[in-house]
């Protein structure tokens, strides 16, 4: 599905072991009344099972210049929160500093879908930080403009569109 451009988020939570989070590009608005969002998370991963136990999370929407932050949370190596500016929100989840938008939620329901969980969250609070342009993920790359003809692949197959690029791991 790499041909479908999407925004990029980091979903964060906290448990007895401390703060936890993962990069996630499957995020969408579901309902205005009540205010609901969704994201999809690999239930075989290490982060989502820890976040799900608390029942609270924060979706941190990234701005165009935050590829390094995304890489930190998209890697299976390293301490994701070490040296990072964040605060524990009133809703009980880590809120990252300097992101475009923070969506504080409680888990409303979770639906099993193959190797992922579709998580529906009830929005408790929104915090807009004022970024002008969001980070976009498209064909294995981050950016905001993708009109470069060199990125077109005339030999692409349907299977090649499922490649997320460079071994990057989404939640």
C-alpha atoms as a PDB file:
ATOM      1  CA  UNK A   1       0.000   0.000   0.000  1.00  0.00           C
ATOM      2  CA  UNK A   2       3.039   2.238  -0.311  1.00  0.00           C
ATOM      3  CA  UNK A   3       1.402   4.105  -3.190  1.00  0.00           C
ATOM      4  CA  UNK A   4      -1.191   5.573  -0.808  1.00  0.00           C
ATOM      5  CA  UNK A   5       0.151   8.777   0.780  1.00  0.00           C
ATOM      6  CA  UNK A   6      -0.578   9.127   4.475  1.00  0.00           C
ATOM      7  CA  UNK A   7       0.228  11.291   7.438  1.00  0.00           C
ATOM      8  CA  UNK A   8       2.604  10.026  10.108  1.00  0.00           C
ATOM      9  CA  UNK A   9       1.975   9.755  13.834  1.00  0.00           C
ATOM     10  CA  UNK A  10       3.565   8.391  16.963  1.00  0.00           C
ATOM     11  CA  UNK A  11       1.187   6.618  19.323  1.00  0.00           C
ATOM     12  CA  UNK A  12       2.357   6.801  22.940  1.00  0.00           C
ATOM     13  CA  UNK A  13       1.292   5.353  26.252  1.00  0.00           C
ATOM     14  CA  UNK A  14       2.729   4.348  29.595  1.00  0.00           C
ATOM     15  CA  UNK A  15       2.716   1.223  31.746  1.00  0.00           C
ATOM     16  CA  UNK A  16       4.587  -0.077  34.807  1.00  0.00           C
ATOM     17  CA  UNK A  17       7.801  -0.265  32.757  1.00  0.00           C
ATOM     18  CA  UNK A  18       7.580   3.403  31.714  1.00  0.00           C
ATOM     19  CA  UNK A  19       6.743   5.305  28.530  1.00  0.00           C
ATOM     20  CA  UNK A  20       6.237   3.415  25.280  1.00  0.00           C
ATOM     21  CA  UNK A  21       5.419   4.392  21.704  1.00  0.00           C
ATOM     22  CA  UNK A  22       5.510   3.431  18.047  1.00  0.00           C
ATOM     23  CA  UNK A  23       5.358   5.066  14.607  1.00  0.00           C
ATOM     24  CA  UNK A  24       1.973   4.697  12.964  1.00  0.00           C
ATOM     25  CA  UNK A  25       0.638   5.858   9.598  1.00  0.00           C
ATOM     26  CA  UNK A  26      -2.772   4.184   9.776  1.00  0.00           C
ATOM     27  CA  UNK A  27      -4.622   6.961  11.609  1.00  0.00           C
ATOM     28  CA  UNK A  28      -8.012   8.468  10.755  1.00  0.00           C
ATOM     29  CA  UNK A  29     -10.987  10.367  12.094  1.00  0.00           C
ATOM     30  CA  UNK A  30     -14.056   8.172  12.649  1.00  0.00           C
ATOM     31  CA  UNK A  31     -16.812  10.294  14.187  1.00  0.00           C
ATOM     32  CA  UNK A  32     -17.503  13.826  15.376  1.00  0.00           C
ATOM     33  CA  UNK A  33     -20.300  12.848  17.768  1.00  0.00           C
ATOM     34  CA  UNK A  34     -18.957  11.275  19.807  1.00  0.00           C
ATOM     35  CA  UNK A  35     -15.402  12.302  18.862  1.00  0.00           C
ATOM     36  CA  UNK A  36     -13.679   9.077  17.769  1.00  0.00           C
ATOM     37  CA  UNK A  37     -10.447   8.285  15.926  1.00  0.00           C
ATOM     38  CA  UNK A  38      -8.822   5.042  14.854  1.00  0.00           C
ATOM     39  CA  UNK A  39      -5.368   3.644  14.307  1.00  0.00           C
ATOM     40  CA  UNK A  40      -4.091   0.184  13.471  1.00  0.00           C
ATOM     41  CA  UNK A  41      -1.356  -1.514  15.480  1.00  0.00           C
ATOM     42  CA  UNK A  42       0.490  -4.810  15.102  1.00  0.00           C
ATOM     43  CA  UNK A  43      -0.699  -6.867  18.056  1.00  0.00           C
ATOM     44  CA  UNK A  44       2.444  -9.030  17.740  1.00  0.00           C
ATOM     45  CA  UNK A  45       4.674  -6.022  18.414  1.00  0.00           C
ATOM     46  CA  UNK A  46       6.047  -4.923  21.768  1.00  0.00           C
ATOM     47  CA  UNK A  47       4.567  -1.435  22.053  1.00  0.00           C
ATOM     48  CA  UNK A  48       0.830  -1.724  21.444  1.00  0.00           C
ATOM     49  CA  UNK A  49       0.244  -4.557  23.958  1.00  0.00           C
ATOM     50  CA  UNK A  50       1.875  -2.379  26.634  1.00  0.00           C
ATOM     51  CA  UNK A  51      -0.168   0.705  25.691  1.00  0.00           C
ATOM     52  CA  UNK A  52      -3.430  -1.246  25.490  1.00  0.00           C
ATOM     53  CA  UNK A  53      -3.186  -2.365  29.127  1.00  0.00           C
ATOM     54  CA  UNK A  54      -3.510   1.229  30.347  1.00  0.00           C
ATOM     55  CA  UNK A  55      -6.511   2.040  28.145  1.00  0.00           C
ATOM     56  CA  UNK A  56      -5.124   5.531  27.406  1.00  0.00           C
ATOM     57  CA  UNK A  57      -2.926   6.848  24.652  1.00  0.00           C
ATOM     58  CA  UNK A  58      -1.826   9.963  22.801  1.00  0.00           C
ATOM     59  CA  UNK A  59      -1.582  10.224  19.014  1.00  0.00           C
ATOM     60  CA  UNK A  60       1.234  12.671  18.230  1.00  0.00           C
ATOM     61  CA  UNK A  61       0.847  13.934  14.636  1.00  0.00           C
ATOM     62  CA  UNK A  62       4.216  14.793  13.080  1.00  0.00           C
ATOM     63  CA  UNK A  63       5.172  17.870  11.096  1.00  0.00           C
ATOM     64  CA  UNK A  64       7.235  17.787   7.906  1.00  0.00           C
ATOM     65  CA  UNK A  65      10.610  18.276   9.628  1.00  0.00           C
ATOM     66  CA  UNK A  66      10.264  15.430  12.136  1.00  0.00           C
ATOM     67  CA  UNK A  67      11.668  12.470  10.182  1.00  0.00           C
ATOM     68  CA  UNK A  68      14.298  11.871  12.880  1.00  0.00           C
ATOM     69  CA  UNK A  69      11.590  11.582  15.526  1.00  0.00           C
ATOM     70  CA  UNK A  70       9.694   9.153  13.308  1.00  0.00           C
ATOM     71  CA  UNK A  71      12.841   7.072  12.737  1.00  0.00           C
ATOM     72  CA  UNK A  72      13.428   6.880  16.490  1.00  0.00           C
ATOM     73  CA  UNK A  73       9.975   5.351  17.034  1.00  0.00           C
ATOM     74  CA  UNK A  74      10.029   3.279  13.835  1.00  0.00           C
ATOM     75  CA  UNK A  75      13.173   1.421  14.842  1.00  0.00           C
ATOM     76  CA  UNK A  76      13.153  -1.685  17.003  1.00  0.00           C
ATOM     77  CA  UNK A  77      16.474  -0.583  18.519  1.00  0.00           C
ATOM     78  CA  UNK A  78      17.340   2.108  21.022  1.00  0.00           C
ATOM     79  CA  UNK A  79      15.644   3.896  23.864  1.00  0.00           C
ATOM     80  CA  UNK A  80      12.856   5.834  22.203  1.00  0.00           C
ATOM     81  CA  UNK A  81      12.277   8.330  25.016  1.00  0.00           C
ATOM     82  CA  UNK A  82      15.918   8.815  26.073  1.00  0.00           C
ATOM     83  CA  UNK A  83      16.872  12.489  25.699  1.00  0.00           C
ATOM     84  CA  UNK A  84      13.443  13.310  24.253  1.00  0.00           C
ATOM     85  CA  UNK A  85      11.264  16.217  25.422  1.00  0.00           C
ATOM     86  CA  UNK A  86       7.866  14.948  26.530  1.00  0.00           C
ATOM     87  CA  UNK A  87       5.408  15.340  29.378  1.00  0.00           C
ATOM     88  CA  UNK A  88       2.878  13.043  30.975  1.00  0.00           C
ATOM     89  CA  UNK A  89      -0.468  14.481  29.950  1.00  0.00           C
ATOM     90  CA  UNK A  90      -3.462  14.935  32.233  1.00  0.00           C
ATOM     91  CA  UNK A  91      -4.879  11.893  30.415  1.00  0.00           C
ATOM     92  CA  UNK A  92      -1.983   9.669  31.478  1.00  0.00           C
ATOM     93  CA  UNK A  93       0.002   9.239  28.259  1.00  0.00           C
ATOM     94  CA  UNK A  94       3.283  10.750  27.054  1.00  0.00           C
ATOM     95  CA  UNK A  95       2.706  13.896  24.983  1.00  0.00           C
ATOM     96  CA  UNK A  96       5.680  14.663  22.727  1.00  0.00           C
ATOM     97  CA  UNK A  97       6.921  18.246  22.557  1.00  0.00           C
ATOM     98  CA  UNK A  98       6.984  20.103  19.245  1.00  0.00           C
ATOM     99  CA  UNK A  99       4.607  17.880  17.280  1.00  0.00           C
ATOM    100  CA  UNK A 100       1.897  19.262  15.005  1.00  0.00           C
ATOM    101  CA  UNK A 101      -1.084  17.931  16.959  1.00  0.00           C
ATOM    102  CA  UNK A 102      -1.639  15.831  20.078  1.00  0.00           C
ATOM    103  CA  UNK A 103      -4.820  13.762  20.304  1.00  0.00           C
ATOM    104  CA  UNK A 104      -5.419  12.445  23.836  1.00  0.00           C
ATOM    105  CA  UNK A 105      -7.695   9.399  23.900  1.00  0.00           C
ATOM    106  CA  UNK A 106      -9.145   6.540  25.874  1.00  0.00           C
ATOM    107  CA  UNK A 107      -9.607   3.163  24.203  1.00  0.00           C
ATOM    108  CA  UNK A 108     -13.246   2.825  23.143  1.00  0.00           C
ATOM    109  CA  UNK A 109     -12.998  -0.577  21.472  1.00  0.00           C
ATOM    110  CA  UNK A 110     -10.493  -2.840  19.730  1.00  0.00           C
ATOM    111  CA  UNK A 111     -11.235  -5.047  16.713  1.00  0.00           C
ATOM    112  CA  UNK A 112      -8.968  -7.901  15.634  1.00  0.00           C
ATOM    113  CA  UNK A 113      -8.066  -7.634  11.938  1.00  0.00           C
ATOM    114  CA  UNK A 114      -5.501 -10.187  10.794  1.00  0.00           C
ATOM    115  CA  UNK A 115      -2.145  -9.443  12.406  1.00  0.00           C
ATOM    116  CA  UNK A 116      -3.300  -5.996  13.556  1.00  0.00           C
ATOM    117  CA  UNK A 117      -5.760  -4.478  15.982  1.00  0.00           C
ATOM    118  CA  UNK A 118      -8.040  -1.696  14.775  1.00  0.00           C
ATOM    119  CA  UNK A 119      -8.168   0.603  17.786  1.00  0.00           C
ATOM    120  CA  UNK A 120     -11.062   3.033  18.169  1.00  0.00           C
ATOM    121  CA  UNK A 121     -10.240   5.834  20.595  1.00  0.00           C
ATOM    122  CA  UNK A 122     -12.556   8.350  22.214  1.00  0.00           C
ATOM    123  CA  UNK A 123     -10.945  11.785  21.990  1.00  0.00           C
ATOM    124  CA  UNK A 124     -10.573  13.514  25.364  1.00  0.00           C
ATOM    125  CA  UNK A 125      -8.568  16.545  24.270  1.00  0.00           C
ATOM    126  CA  UNK A 126      -6.831  18.021  21.218  1.00  0.00           C
ATOM    127  CA  UNK A 127      -3.697  20.176  21.393  1.00  0.00           C
ATOM    128  CA  UNK A 128      -2.684  21.956  18.194  1.00  0.00           C
ATOM    129  CA  UNK A 129       0.922  23.158  18.079  1.00  0.00           C
ATOM    130  CA  UNK A 130       0.743  25.267  14.911  1.00  0.00           C
ATOM    131  CA  UNK A 131       2.782  23.427  12.281  1.00  0.00           C
ATOM    132  CA  UNK A 132       1.908  24.503   8.756  1.00  0.00           C
ATOM    133  CA  UNK A 133       2.737  21.266   6.916  1.00  0.00           C
ATOM    134  CA  UNK A 134       2.365  17.624   7.993  1.00  0.00           C
ATOM    135  CA  UNK A 135       4.855  14.820   7.456  1.00  0.00           C
ATOM    136  CA  UNK A 136       3.748  12.585   4.586  1.00  0.00           C
ATOM    137  CA  UNK A 137       4.830   8.994   3.898  1.00  0.00           C
ATOM    138  CA  UNK A 138       4.654   7.912   0.253  1.00  0.00           C
ATOM    139  CA  UNK A 139       6.392   5.117  -1.670  1.00  0.00           C
ATOM    140  CA  UNK A 140       8.867   4.428   1.090  1.00  0.00           C
ATOM    141  CA  UNK A 141       9.904   8.041   1.666  1.00  0.00           C
ATOM    142  CA  UNK A 142       9.007  10.940   3.925  1.00  0.00           C
ATOM    143  CA  UNK A 143       8.329  14.419   2.608  1.00  0.00           C
ATOM    144  CA  UNK A 144       5.694  16.853   1.457  1.00  0.00           C
ATOM    145  CA  UNK A 145       6.174  17.002  -2.309  1.00  0.00           C
ATOM    146  CA  UNK A 146       6.409  13.949  -4.529  1.00  0.00           C
ATOM    147  CA  UNK A 147       6.182  15.231  -8.091  1.00  0.00           C
ATOM    148  CA  UNK A 148       9.689  14.005  -8.926  1.00  0.00           C
ATOM    149  CA  UNK A 149       9.413  11.859 -12.121  1.00  0.00           C
ATOM    150  CA  UNK A 150      12.338   9.703 -10.931  1.00  0.00           C
ATOM    151  CA  UNK A 151      10.053   8.309  -8.203  1.00  0.00           C
ATOM    152  CA  UNK A 152       7.731   6.797 -10.819  1.00  0.00           C
ATOM    153  CA  UNK A 153       8.260   3.133 -11.572  1.00  0.00           C
ATOM    154  CA  UNK A 154       6.878   1.935 -14.908  1.00  0.00           C
ATOM    155  CA  UNK A 155       7.752  -1.679 -13.965  1.00  0.00           C
ATOM    156  CA  UNK A 156       5.808  -1.639 -10.690  1.00  0.00           C
ATOM    157  CA  UNK A 157       3.745  -4.710  -9.870  1.00  0.00           C
ATOM    158  CA  UNK A 158       0.789  -4.933  -7.486  1.00  0.00           C
ATOM    159  CA  UNK A 159       3.055  -6.659  -4.950  1.00  0.00           C
ATOM    160  CA  UNK A 160       5.574  -3.802  -5.082  1.00  0.00           C
ATOM    161  CA  UNK A 161       2.934  -1.389  -3.778  1.00  0.00           C
ATOM    162  CA  UNK A 162       2.865  -3.304  -0.488  1.00  0.00           C
ATOM    163  CA  UNK A 163       6.530  -2.492   0.192  1.00  0.00           C
ATOM    164  CA  UNK A 164       6.945   0.096   2.944  1.00  0.00           C
ATOM    165  CA  UNK A 165      10.585   0.698   2.015  1.00  0.00           C
ATOM    166  CA  UNK A 166      13.970   0.247   3.687  1.00  0.00           C
ATOM    167  CA  UNK A 167      12.827  -2.189   6.376  1.00  0.00           C
ATOM    168  CA  UNK A 168      10.959   0.498   8.292  1.00  0.00           C
ATOM    169  CA  UNK A 169       8.593  -1.061  10.820  1.00  0.00           C
ATOM    170  CA  UNK A 170       5.156   0.407  11.474  1.00  0.00           C
ATOM    171  CA  UNK A 171       3.340  -0.330  14.794  1.00  0.00           C
END
